[in-house]
C-alpha atoms as a PDB file:
ATOM      1  CA  MET A   1     -10.685  -4.086  -3.043  1.00  0.00           C
ATOM      2  CA  GLY A   2     -13.190  -3.804  -0.310  1.00  0.00           C
ATOM      3  CA  GLU A   3     -13.163   0.139  -0.951  1.00  0.00           C
ATOM      4  CA  LEU A   4     -14.612  -0.660  -4.531  1.00  0.00           C
ATOM      5  CA  ARG A   5     -17.382  -2.429  -2.870  1.00  0.00           C
ATOM      6  CA  ARG A   6     -17.911   0.143  -0.214  1.00  0.00           C
ATOM      7  CA  LEU A   7     -18.193   2.889  -3.004  1.00  0.00           C
ATOM      8  CA  ARG A   8     -20.397   0.619  -5.146  1.00  0.00           C
ATOM      9  CA  VAL A   9     -18.044   0.617  -8.003  1.00  0.00           C
ATOM     10  CA  ASP A  10     -19.281  -1.840 -10.733  1.00  0.00           C
ATOM     11  CA  ILE A  11     -16.488  -1.152 -13.333  1.00  0.00           C
ATOM     12  CA  VAL A  12     -12.891  -0.033 -12.516  1.00  0.00           C
ATOM     13  CA  GLY A  13      -9.935   0.689 -14.680  1.00  0.00           C
ATOM     14  CA  LEU A  14      -6.406   0.114 -13.358  1.00  0.00           C
ATOM     15  CA  SER A  15      -3.331   1.832 -14.938  1.00  0.00           C
ATOM     16  CA  GLU A  16       0.546   1.109 -14.057  1.00  0.00           C
ATOM     17  CA  LEU A  17      -0.566  -2.437 -13.090  1.00  0.00           C
ATOM     18  CA  ARG A  18       3.310  -4.020 -13.738  1.00  0.00           C
ATOM     19  CA  ARG A  19       1.808  -7.526 -13.845  1.00  0.00           C
ATOM     20  CA  PRO A  20       3.423  -9.029 -17.238  1.00  0.00           C
ATOM     21  CA  GLY A  21       1.506 -11.261 -19.794  1.00  0.00           C
ATOM     22  CA  SER A  22      -2.162 -11.316 -19.927  1.00  0.00           C
ATOM     23  CA  GLY A  23      -5.045 -13.042 -18.928  1.00  0.00           C
ATOM     24  CA  GLU A  24      -8.304 -13.154 -16.665  1.00  0.00           C
ATOM     25  CA  THR A  25      -8.585 -13.651 -12.498  1.00  0.00           C
ATOM     26  CA  SER A  26     -11.301 -13.458  -9.997  1.00  0.00           C
ATOM     27  CA  SER A  27     -10.787 -11.894  -6.297  1.00  0.00           C
ATOM     28  CA  GLY A  28     -13.670 -11.078  -3.952  1.00  0.00           C
ATOM     29  CA  SER A  29     -16.629  -9.946  -6.020  1.00  0.00           C
ATOM     30  CA  TYR A  30     -14.995  -8.802  -9.216  1.00  0.00           C
ATOM     31  CA  THR A  31     -13.255 -10.438 -12.391  1.00  0.00           C
ATOM     32  CA  TYR A  32     -10.177  -8.569 -13.600  1.00  0.00           C
ATOM     33  CA  PHE A  33      -8.838  -8.693 -17.163  1.00  0.00           C
ATOM     34  CA  TRP A  34      -5.460  -7.455 -17.573  1.00  0.00           C
ATOM     35  CA  SER A  35      -2.663  -6.621 -20.318  1.00  0.00           C
ATOM     36  CA  GLY A  36       0.962  -6.318 -19.701  1.00  0.00           C
ATOM     37  CA  MET A  37       4.196  -6.391 -21.049  1.00  0.00           C
ATOM     38  CA  SER A  38       4.761  -9.483 -23.246  1.00  0.00           C
ATOM     39  CA  ASN A  39       8.308  -9.729 -22.454  1.00  0.00           C
ATOM     40  CA  GLY A  40       8.019 -10.432 -18.756  1.00  0.00           C
ATOM     41  CA  ASP A  41       8.853  -6.966 -17.504  1.00  0.00           C
ATOM     42  CA  HIS A  42       7.178  -5.713 -14.444  1.00  0.00           C
ATOM     43  CA  VAL A  43       6.335  -2.224 -15.964  1.00  0.00           C
ATOM     44  CA  GLN A  44       3.471  -0.244 -17.254  1.00  0.00           C
ATOM     45  CA  GLY A  45       0.331  -2.630 -17.829  1.00  0.00           C
ATOM     46  CA  LEU A  46      -3.497  -1.989 -17.171  1.00  0.00           C
ATOM     47  CA  ALA A  47      -6.447  -3.873 -16.286  1.00  0.00           C
ATOM     48  CA  ILE A  48     -10.340  -3.589 -16.128  1.00  0.00           C
ATOM     49  CA  GLY A  49     -12.193  -5.025 -13.118  1.00  0.00           C
ATOM     50  CA  ILE A  50     -16.147  -5.963 -13.757  1.00  0.00           C
ATOM     51  CA  SER A  51     -18.337  -6.757 -10.571  1.00  0.00           C
ATOM     52  CA  SER A  52     -19.949  -9.930 -10.283  1.00  0.00           C
ATOM     53  CA  LYS A  53     -23.294  -8.421 -11.124  1.00  0.00           C
ATOM     54  CA  LEU A  54     -22.131  -7.065 -14.502  1.00  0.00           C
ATOM     55  CA  GLN A  55     -19.727 -10.060 -15.506  1.00  0.00           C
ATOM     56  CA  PRO A  56     -22.278 -12.019 -17.463  1.00  0.00           C
ATOM     57  CA  THR A  57     -22.962  -8.776 -19.835  1.00  0.00           C
ATOM     58  CA  VAL A  58     -19.420  -9.226 -21.215  1.00  0.00           C
ATOM     59  CA  VAL A  59     -19.446 -10.249 -24.675  1.00  0.00           C
ATOM     60  CA  GLU A  60     -15.830  -9.774 -25.894  1.00  0.00           C
ATOM     61  CA  VAL A  61     -12.451  -8.978 -24.415  1.00  0.00           C
ATOM     62  CA  THR A  62      -9.770  -7.516 -26.714  1.00  0.00           C
ATOM     63  CA  LEU A  63      -6.146  -7.302 -25.130  1.00  0.00           C
ATOM     64  CA  VAL A  64      -4.244  -4.852 -27.317  1.00  0.00           C
ATOM     65  CA  ASP A  65      -1.051  -4.101 -25.170  1.00  0.00           C
ATOM     66  CA  GLU A  66       0.348  -2.725 -22.017  1.00  0.00           C
ATOM     67  CA  HIS A  67      -1.325   0.550 -23.022  1.00  0.00           C
ATOM     68  CA  ILE A  68      -4.866  -0.289 -24.451  1.00  0.00           C
ATOM     69  CA  MET A  69      -7.456  -2.975 -23.794  1.00  0.00           C
ATOM     70  CA  TRP A  70     -11.024  -3.101 -24.827  1.00  0.00           C
ATOM     71  CA  VAL A  71     -14.260  -4.870 -23.359  1.00  0.00           C
ATOM     72  CA  ARG A  72     -17.501  -4.849 -24.895  1.00  0.00           C
ATOM     73  CA  MET A  73     -20.586  -5.445 -22.799  1.00  0.00           C
ATOM     74  CA  LYS A  74     -24.233  -5.706 -23.167  1.00  0.00           C
ATOM     75  CA  HIS A  75     -26.705  -3.370 -21.561  1.00  0.00           C
ATOM     76  CA  THR A  76     -30.540  -2.667 -21.938  1.00  0.00           C
ATOM     77  CA  LEU A  77     -30.314  -0.489 -25.187  1.00  0.00           C
ATOM     78  CA  GLY A  78     -27.301  -2.318 -26.987  1.00  0.00           C
ATOM     79  CA  PHE A  79     -23.846  -2.703 -26.456  1.00  0.00           C
ATOM     80  CA  MET A  80     -21.191  -0.631 -24.410  1.00  0.00           C
ATOM     81  CA  SER A  81     -17.351  -0.528 -25.601  1.00  0.00           C
ATOM     82  CA  LEU A  82     -14.995   0.193 -22.490  1.00  0.00           C
ATOM     83  CA  VAL A  83     -11.829   1.262 -23.502  1.00  0.00           C
ATOM     84  CA  ALA A  84      -9.037   1.483 -20.741  1.00  0.00           C
ATOM     85  CA  VAL A  85      -5.968   3.587 -21.677  1.00  0.00           C
ATOM     86  CA  TYR A  86      -2.343   4.065 -19.820  1.00  0.00           C
ATOM     87  CA  ALA A  87      -1.120   6.866 -22.201  1.00  0.00           C
ATOM     88  CA  PRO A  88       2.416   7.592 -22.427  1.00  0.00           C
ATOM     89  CA  THR A  89       3.825  10.790 -20.557  1.00  0.00           C
ATOM     90  CA  GLU A  90       5.118  13.806 -22.618  1.00  0.00           C
ATOM     91  CA  VAL A  91       8.687  13.186 -21.896  1.00  0.00           C
ATOM     92  CA  ARG A  92       8.387   9.865 -23.978  1.00  0.00           C
ATOM     93  CA  LYS A  93       9.615   9.590 -27.600  1.00  0.00           C
ATOM     94  CA  THR A  94       7.385  10.994 -30.396  1.00  0.00           C
ATOM     95  CA  GLU A  95       7.509   8.064 -32.139  1.00  0.00           C
ATOM     96  CA  GLU A  96       6.398   6.007 -29.071  1.00  0.00           C
ATOM     97  CA  LYS A  97       3.534   8.060 -28.397  1.00  0.00           C
ATOM     98  CA  GLU A  98       2.223   8.171 -32.150  1.00  0.00           C
ATOM     99  CA  MET A  99       2.324   4.523 -32.178  1.00  0.00           C
ATOM    100  CA  ILE A 100       0.228   4.327 -29.107  1.00  0.00           C
ATOM    101  CA  TYR A 101      -2.246   6.880 -30.231  1.00  0.00           C
ATOM    102  CA  ALA A 102      -2.284   5.246 -33.897  1.00  0.00           C
ATOM    103  CA  LYS A 103      -3.471   1.995 -31.887  1.00  0.00           C
ATOM    104  CA  LEU A 104      -5.902   3.780 -29.926  1.00  0.00           C
ATOM    105  CA  ASP A 105      -7.464   5.278 -33.217  1.00  0.00           C
ATOM    106  CA  SER A 106      -7.718   1.812 -34.617  1.00  0.00           C
ATOM    107  CA  VAL A 107      -9.525   0.607 -31.454  1.00  0.00           C
ATOM    108  CA  PHE A 108     -12.232   3.439 -31.785  1.00  0.00           C
ATOM    109  CA  ASP A 109     -12.562   2.669 -35.439  1.00  0.00           C
ATOM    110  CA  GLN A 110     -13.504  -1.012 -34.535  1.00  0.00           C
ATOM    111  CA  CYS A 111     -15.919   0.154 -31.962  1.00  0.00           C
ATOM    112  CA  HIS A 112     -19.680   0.035 -33.265  1.00  0.00           C
ATOM    113  CA  PRO A 113     -20.811   3.564 -33.943  1.00  0.00           C
ATOM    114  CA  ARG A 114     -23.932   2.637 -32.031  1.00  0.00           C
ATOM    115  CA  ASP A 115     -22.206   1.470 -28.934  1.00  0.00           C
ATOM    116  CA  THR A 116     -22.016   3.678 -25.769  1.00  0.00           C
ATOM    117  CA  LEU A 117     -18.289   4.478 -25.802  1.00  0.00           C
ATOM    118  CA  ILE A 118     -16.675   4.924 -22.584  1.00  0.00           C
ATOM    119  CA  VAL A 119     -12.681   5.828 -22.076  1.00  0.00           C
ATOM    120  CA  LEU A 120     -11.054   5.404 -18.694  1.00  0.00           C
ATOM    121  CA  GLY A 121      -7.525   5.218 -17.521  1.00  0.00           C
ATOM    122  CA  ASN A 122      -4.342   7.394 -16.997  1.00  0.00           C
ATOM    123  CA  ILE A 123      -4.715   9.605 -20.137  1.00  0.00           C
ATOM    124  CA  ASN A 124      -1.401  11.548 -18.543  1.00  0.00           C
ATOM    125  CA  ALA A 125      -2.957  14.818 -19.999  1.00  0.00           C
ATOM    126  CA  THR A 126      -4.576  17.788 -18.415  1.00  0.00           C
ATOM    127  CA  THR A 127      -7.349  19.801 -19.974  1.00  0.00           C
ATOM    128  CA  GLY A 128      -6.926  23.455 -18.286  1.00  0.00           C
ATOM    129  CA  THR A 129      -9.503  25.899 -17.753  1.00  0.00           C
ATOM    130  CA  VAL A 130      -9.824  27.449 -21.406  1.00  0.00           C
ATOM    131  CA  ARG A 131     -12.961  25.954 -22.859  1.00  0.00           C
ATOM    132  CA  ASP A 132     -12.963  27.993 -26.120  1.00  0.00           C
ATOM    133  CA  GLY A 133     -13.628  25.504 -28.998  1.00  0.00           C
ATOM    134  CA  TYR A 134     -14.041  22.667 -26.763  1.00  0.00           C
ATOM    135  CA  GLU A 135     -17.511  23.576 -24.883  1.00  0.00           C
ATOM    136  CA  LEU A 136     -19.354  19.993 -25.951  1.00  0.00           C
ATOM    137  CA  CYS A 137     -16.634  17.859 -24.625  1.00  0.00           C
ATOM    138  CA  VAL A 138     -14.833  19.914 -21.568  1.00  0.00           C
ATOM    139  CA  GLY A 139     -16.861  21.268 -18.563  1.00  0.00           C
ATOM    140  CA  PRO A 140     -16.564  24.314 -16.774  1.00  0.00           C
ATOM    141  CA  HIS A 141     -15.009  23.029 -13.592  1.00  0.00           C
ATOM    142  CA  GLY A 142     -11.223  22.369 -14.752  1.00  0.00           C
ATOM    143  CA  SER A 143      -8.038  23.580 -13.323  1.00  0.00           C
ATOM    144  CA  SER A 144      -4.275  23.626 -14.266  1.00  0.00           C
ATOM    145  CA  THR A 145      -3.257  24.449 -17.672  1.00  0.00           C
ATOM    146  CA  ARG A 146      -3.723  22.405 -20.870  1.00  0.00           C
ATOM    147  CA  ASN A 147      -0.854  20.056 -22.234  1.00  0.00           C
ATOM    148  CA  ILE A 148       1.059  21.440 -25.142  1.00  0.00           C
ATOM    149  CA  LYS A 149       2.302  18.293 -27.003  1.00  0.00           C
ATOM    150  CA  PHE A 150      -0.862  16.136 -26.229  1.00  0.00           C
ATOM    151  CA  SER A 151      -4.374  17.704 -25.356  1.00  0.00           C
ATOM    152  CA  ALA A 152      -6.853  15.838 -23.507  1.00  0.00           C
ATOM    153  CA  SER A 153      -9.429  18.739 -24.862  1.00  0.00           C
ATOM    154  CA  GLU A 154      -8.420  17.850 -28.538  1.00  0.00           C
ATOM    155  CA  PHE A 155      -8.583  14.268 -27.971  1.00  0.00           C
ATOM    156  CA  CYS A 156     -12.071  14.615 -26.584  1.00  0.00           C
ATOM    157  CA  LYS A 157     -13.151  16.811 -29.564  1.00  0.00           C
ATOM    158  CA  VAL A 158     -11.876  14.438 -32.186  1.00  0.00           C
ATOM    159  CA  GLN A 159     -13.325  11.115 -30.686  1.00  0.00           C
ATOM    160  CA  LYS A 160     -16.547  12.946 -30.067  1.00  0.00           C
ATOM    161  CA  VAL A 161     -16.615  12.135 -26.157  1.00  0.00           C
ATOM    162  CA  GLU A 162     -16.866  14.405 -23.118  1.00  0.00           C
ATOM    163  CA  ASN A 163     -15.027  14.536 -19.999  1.00  0.00           C
ATOM    164  CA  CYS A 164     -16.990  13.592 -16.887  1.00  0.00           C
ATOM    165  CA  ARG A 165     -14.322  14.820 -14.616  1.00  0.00           C
ATOM    166  CA  PHE A 166     -15.235  18.800 -15.101  1.00  0.00           C
ATOM    167  CA  LEU A 167     -18.910  18.536 -15.970  1.00  0.00           C
ATOM    168  CA  VAL A 168     -20.077  18.534 -12.314  1.00  0.00           C
ATOM    169  CA  SER A 169     -18.883  20.982  -9.572  1.00  0.00           C
ATOM    170  CA  GLU A 170     -18.546  17.946  -6.986  1.00  0.00           C
ATOM    171  CA  THR A 171     -15.081  17.414  -8.389  1.00  0.00           C
ATOM    172  CA  ARG A 172     -13.706  20.598  -6.718  1.00  0.00           C
ATOM    173  CA  ALA A 173     -14.064  19.051  -3.263  1.00  0.00           C
ATOM    174  CA  ALA A 174     -11.124  16.769  -4.122  1.00  0.00           C
ATOM    175  CA  PRO A 175     -10.162  17.704  -7.713  1.00  0.00           C
ATOM    176  CA  LEU A 176      -6.834  16.658  -8.142  1.00  0.00           C
ATOM    177  CA  ASP A 177      -6.180  12.761  -8.343  1.00  0.00           C
ATOM    178  CA  MET A 178      -2.408  12.748  -8.961  1.00  0.00           C
ATOM    179  CA  TYR A 179       0.335  13.644  -6.485  1.00  0.00           C
ATOM    180  CA  SER A 180       4.079  13.285  -6.881  1.00  0.00           C
ATOM    181  CA  ASN A 181       5.893  13.175  -3.368  1.00  0.00           C
ATOM    182  CA  ALA A 182       9.217  13.286  -5.203  1.00  0.00           C
ATOM    183  CA  ARG A 183       8.377  16.746  -7.025  1.00  0.00           C
ATOM    184  CA  ARG A 184       5.499  18.046  -5.137  1.00  0.00           C
ATOM    185  CA  VAL A 185       3.298  18.117  -7.928  1.00  0.00           C
ATOM    186  CA  ALA A 186      -0.582  17.616  -8.367  1.00  0.00           C
ATOM    187  CA  LYS A 187      -2.421  17.104 -11.543  1.00  0.00           C
ATOM    188  CA  GLU A 188      -5.453  15.984 -13.264  1.00  0.00           C
ATOM    189  CA  ILE A 189      -4.726  13.158 -15.577  1.00  0.00           C
ATOM    190  CA  ASP A 190      -7.051  10.267 -14.865  1.00  0.00           C
ATOM    191  CA  HIS A 191     -10.230  10.664 -16.736  1.00  0.00           C
ATOM    192  CA  VAL A 192     -13.474   9.188 -17.527  1.00  0.00           C
ATOM    193  CA  LEU A 193     -14.693   9.973 -20.908  1.00  0.00           C
ATOM    194  CA  VAL A 194     -18.113   9.155 -22.263  1.00  0.00           C
ATOM    195  CA  SER A 195     -19.802   9.581 -25.968  1.00  0.00           C
ATOM    196  CA  ILE A 196     -21.301  12.968 -26.367  1.00  0.00           C
ATOM    197  CA  CYS A 197     -24.374  11.486 -27.809  1.00  0.00           C
ATOM    198  CA  TRP A 198     -25.068   9.547 -24.464  1.00  0.00           C
ATOM    199  CA  ARG A 199     -26.304  11.894 -21.673  1.00  0.00           C
ATOM    200  CA  ILE A 200     -25.841   9.460 -18.874  1.00  0.00           C
ATOM    201  CA  LEU A 201     -23.460  10.973 -16.527  1.00  0.00           C
ATOM    202  CA  GLN A 202     -25.070  11.724 -12.858  1.00  0.00           C
ATOM    203  CA  ASN A 203     -22.004  12.378 -10.770  1.00  0.00           C
ATOM    204  CA  CYS A 204     -18.243  12.318 -10.812  1.00  0.00           C
ATOM    205  CA  ARG A 205     -15.918  12.589  -7.759  1.00  0.00           C
ATOM    206  CA  VAL A 206     -12.250  11.878  -6.619  1.00  0.00           C
ATOM    207  CA  TYR A 207     -11.959   9.798  -3.475  1.00  0.00           C
ATOM    208  CA  ARG A 208      -9.112  10.049  -1.313  1.00  0.00           C
ATOM    209  CA  SER A 209      -9.920   6.893   0.658  1.00  0.00           C
ATOM    210  CA  ALA A 210      -9.117   4.682  -2.057  1.00  0.00           C
ATOM    211  CA  GLU A 211      -5.383   5.030  -1.964  1.00  0.00           C
ATOM    212  CA  PHE A 212      -3.815   1.655  -1.802  1.00  0.00           C
ATOM    213  CA  PHE A 213      -0.567  -0.263  -2.299  1.00  0.00           C
ATOM    214  CA  GLY A 214       1.387   2.974  -2.378  1.00  0.00           C
ATOM    215  CA  THR A 215       0.125   4.681  -5.431  1.00  0.00           C
ATOM    216  CA  ASP A 216       0.276   8.297  -6.185  1.00  0.00           C
ATOM    217  CA  HIS A 217      -3.153   8.303  -7.319  1.00  0.00           C
ATOM    218  CA  ARG A 218      -6.681   8.666  -6.243  1.00  0.00           C
ATOM    219  CA  LEU A 219      -9.939   7.056  -7.279  1.00  0.00           C
ATOM    220  CA  VAL A 220     -12.059   8.829  -9.816  1.00  0.00           C
ATOM    221  CA  VAL A 221     -15.565   7.627  -9.815  1.00  0.00           C
ATOM    222  CA  ALA A 222     -18.265   8.388 -12.275  1.00  0.00           C
ATOM    223  CA  THR A 223     -21.799   7.743 -11.923  1.00  0.00           C
ATOM    224  CA  LEU A 224     -23.659   6.768 -15.247  1.00  0.00           C
ATOM    225  CA  LYS A 225     -27.136   5.924 -15.667  1.00  0.00           C
ATOM    226  CA  LEU A 226     -28.939   4.403 -18.784  1.00  0.00           C
ATOM    227  CA  HIS A 227     -32.441   5.563 -19.137  1.00  0.00           C
ATOM    228  CA  VAL A 228     -34.766   2.946 -20.716  1.00  0.00           C
ATOM    229  CA  LYS A 229     -37.812   3.914 -22.355  1.00  0.00           C
ATOM    230  CA  SER A 230     -40.958   2.102 -21.295  1.00  0.00           C
ATOM    231  CA  ARG A 231     -42.379  -0.189 -23.947  1.00  0.00           C
ATOM    232  CA  ARG A 232     -45.509  -0.753 -21.722  1.00  0.00           C
ATOM    233  CA  ILE A 233     -48.810  -0.521 -24.097  1.00  0.00           C
ATOM    234  CA  SER A 234     -51.288   2.219 -22.824  1.00  0.00           C
ATOM    235  CA  ARG A 235     -54.397   0.596 -21.642  1.00  0.00           C
ATOM    236  CA  GLY A 236     -56.304   3.081 -23.681  1.00  0.00           C
ATOM    237  CA  ASN A 237     -55.293   1.318 -26.941  1.00  0.00           C
ATOM    238  CA  HIS A 238     -55.690  -2.279 -25.302  1.00  0.00           C
ATOM    239  CA  THR A 239     -58.630  -4.314 -26.538  1.00  0.00           C
ATOM    240  CA  VAL A 240     -60.294  -6.373 -23.405  1.00  0.00           C
ATOM    241  CA  PHE A 241     -62.255  -9.659 -24.300  1.00  0.00           C
ATOM    242  CA  HIS A 242     -64.593 -10.836 -22.009  1.00  0.00           C
ATOM    243  CA  LEU A 243     -64.150 -14.603 -22.660  1.00  0.00           C
ATOM    244  CA  GLU A 244     -66.407 -15.289 -19.716  1.00  0.00           C
ATOM    245  CA  LYS A 245     -69.420 -14.525 -21.573  1.00  0.00           C
ATOM    246  CA  LEU A 246     -69.029 -17.390 -23.956  1.00  0.00           C
ATOM    247  CA  LYS A 247     -70.164 -19.548 -21.081  1.00  0.00           C
ATOM    248  CA  ASP A 248     -73.558 -18.447 -21.403  1.00  0.00           C
ATOM    249  CA  LEU A 249     -75.001 -20.554 -24.357  1.00  0.00           C
ATOM    250  CA  THR A 250     -76.997 -17.904 -25.983  1.00  0.00           C
ATOM    251  CA  CYS A 251     -74.036 -15.846 -26.250  1.00  0.00           C
ATOM    252  CA  ALA A 252     -72.104 -18.360 -27.466  1.00  0.00           C
ATOM    253  CA  HIS A 253     -74.440 -19.410 -30.120  1.00  0.00           C
ATOM    254  CA  ASN A 254     -74.996 -15.944 -31.300  1.00  0.00           C
ATOM    255  CA  TYR A 255     -71.477 -15.439 -31.865  1.00  0.00           C
ATOM    256  CA  ALA A 256     -70.879 -18.585 -33.688  1.00  0.00           C
ATOM    257  CA  VAL A 257     -73.559 -17.494 -36.018  1.00  0.00           C
ATOM    258  CA  ALA A 258     -72.119 -14.031 -36.545  1.00  0.00           C
ATOM    259  CA  VAL A 259     -68.855 -15.654 -37.176  1.00  0.00           C
ATOM    260  CA  SER A 260     -70.131 -18.078 -39.615  1.00  0.00           C
ATOM    261  CA  ASN A 261     -71.817 -15.134 -41.492  1.00  0.00           C
ATOM    262  CA  ARG A 262     -68.450 -13.202 -41.847  1.00  0.00           C
ATOM    263  CA  PHE A 263     -66.782 -16.345 -43.280  1.00  0.00           C
ATOM    264  CA  ASP A 264     -68.767 -16.403 -46.469  1.00  0.00           C
ATOM    265  CA  VAL A 265     -66.428 -14.059 -47.911  1.00  0.00           C
ATOM    266  CA  LEU A 266     -63.155 -16.257 -47.325  1.00  0.00           C
ATOM    267  CA  GLY A 267     -63.983 -18.710 -49.917  1.00  0.00           C
ATOM    268  CA  ALA A 268     -63.329 -16.363 -52.637  1.00  0.00           C
ATOM    269  CA  LEU A 269     -59.879 -15.571 -51.322  1.00  0.00           C
ATOM    270  CA  GLU A 270     -56.879 -17.515 -52.810  1.00  0.00           C
ATOM    271  CA  ASP A 271     -53.871 -15.458 -51.549  1.00  0.00           C
ATOM    272  CA  LEU A 272     -53.188 -17.154 -48.335  1.00  0.00           C
ATOM    273  CA  VAL A 273     -51.837 -13.880 -46.561  1.00  0.00           C
ATOM    274  CA  GLU A 274     -54.881 -12.128 -47.429  1.00  0.00           C
ATOM    275  CA  LEU A 275     -57.082 -14.894 -46.192  1.00  0.00           C
ATOM    276  CA  TRP A 276     -55.323 -15.096 -42.630  1.00  0.00           C
ATOM    277  CA  ASP A 277     -55.513 -11.337 -42.476  1.00  0.00           C
ATOM    278  CA  THR A 278     -59.384 -11.370 -43.398  1.00  0.00           C
ATOM    279  CA  PHE A 279     -59.873 -14.099 -40.898  1.00  0.00           C
ATOM    280  CA  LYS A 280     -58.256 -12.150 -38.035  1.00  0.00           C
ATOM    281  CA  ARG A 281     -59.952  -8.952 -38.830  1.00  0.00           C
ATOM    282  CA  GLU A 282     -63.411 -10.430 -39.081  1.00  0.00           C
ATOM    283  CA  THR A 283     -63.244 -12.690 -36.236  1.00  0.00           C
ATOM    284  CA  LEU A 284     -62.057  -9.629 -33.946  1.00  0.00           C
ATOM    285  CA  GLN A 285     -64.740  -7.327 -35.459  1.00  0.00           C
ATOM    286  CA  VAL A 286     -67.548  -9.749 -34.338  1.00  0.00           C
ATOM    287  CA  ALA A 287     -66.150 -10.046 -30.690  1.00  0.00           C
END
């Protein structure tokens, strides 16, 4: 996992983990939450790794099954719903695929509408190069052809997320992330999806250097940045009180007399809220 640190990856989604059960473990500077087969089989499964820097921001972890898990995190502007997916391939039975997609839709329904939604993992689907009708969710730098049975583009459109893979031209440097030596096939099936309403994508790249444990996939890294609006008060609207002038006895006496004269109107006020507001206003005006 040293490659994750070298590439400065704070959040990573892992598919085909093949670790049964579910739980949490720490390794190096990362905490991993995994969800695998409940029957003990070493197949399928997925995990989300969080760096030690961001681990304290985790507020909720939901392990659905060996195909879906969900982590909710706190950030400066609110919350982020991070959904990891290991989708079935096209050769799986229709009933099995429909059940998994129904669970995924249920997870999206549970995500708060104001959360920053991020989906990452092995979607096992390609987008193709045709963008007609999908301009808001698929960028111009795709390749291959669109899946017939399950369209990643249609999925993005329905869930109102954009595919980070094809929004920036850098993905052309090493665009293909899955290589099958057995059938000599190369595809783009690993994706990072972000809510359309959040324009936080900075860059997205595929790294050859992160090949490990004999995997036929390459690491897809998206750089995201949340822009925080400054809450600092403008100096032009800020009233400055020179309290050091009260050290002068003459100035202090004059201020006390002026405040006392203003307080004559307070005796006629019975409402406590109005009394307090008048007290603050008159005191500040005299100053």
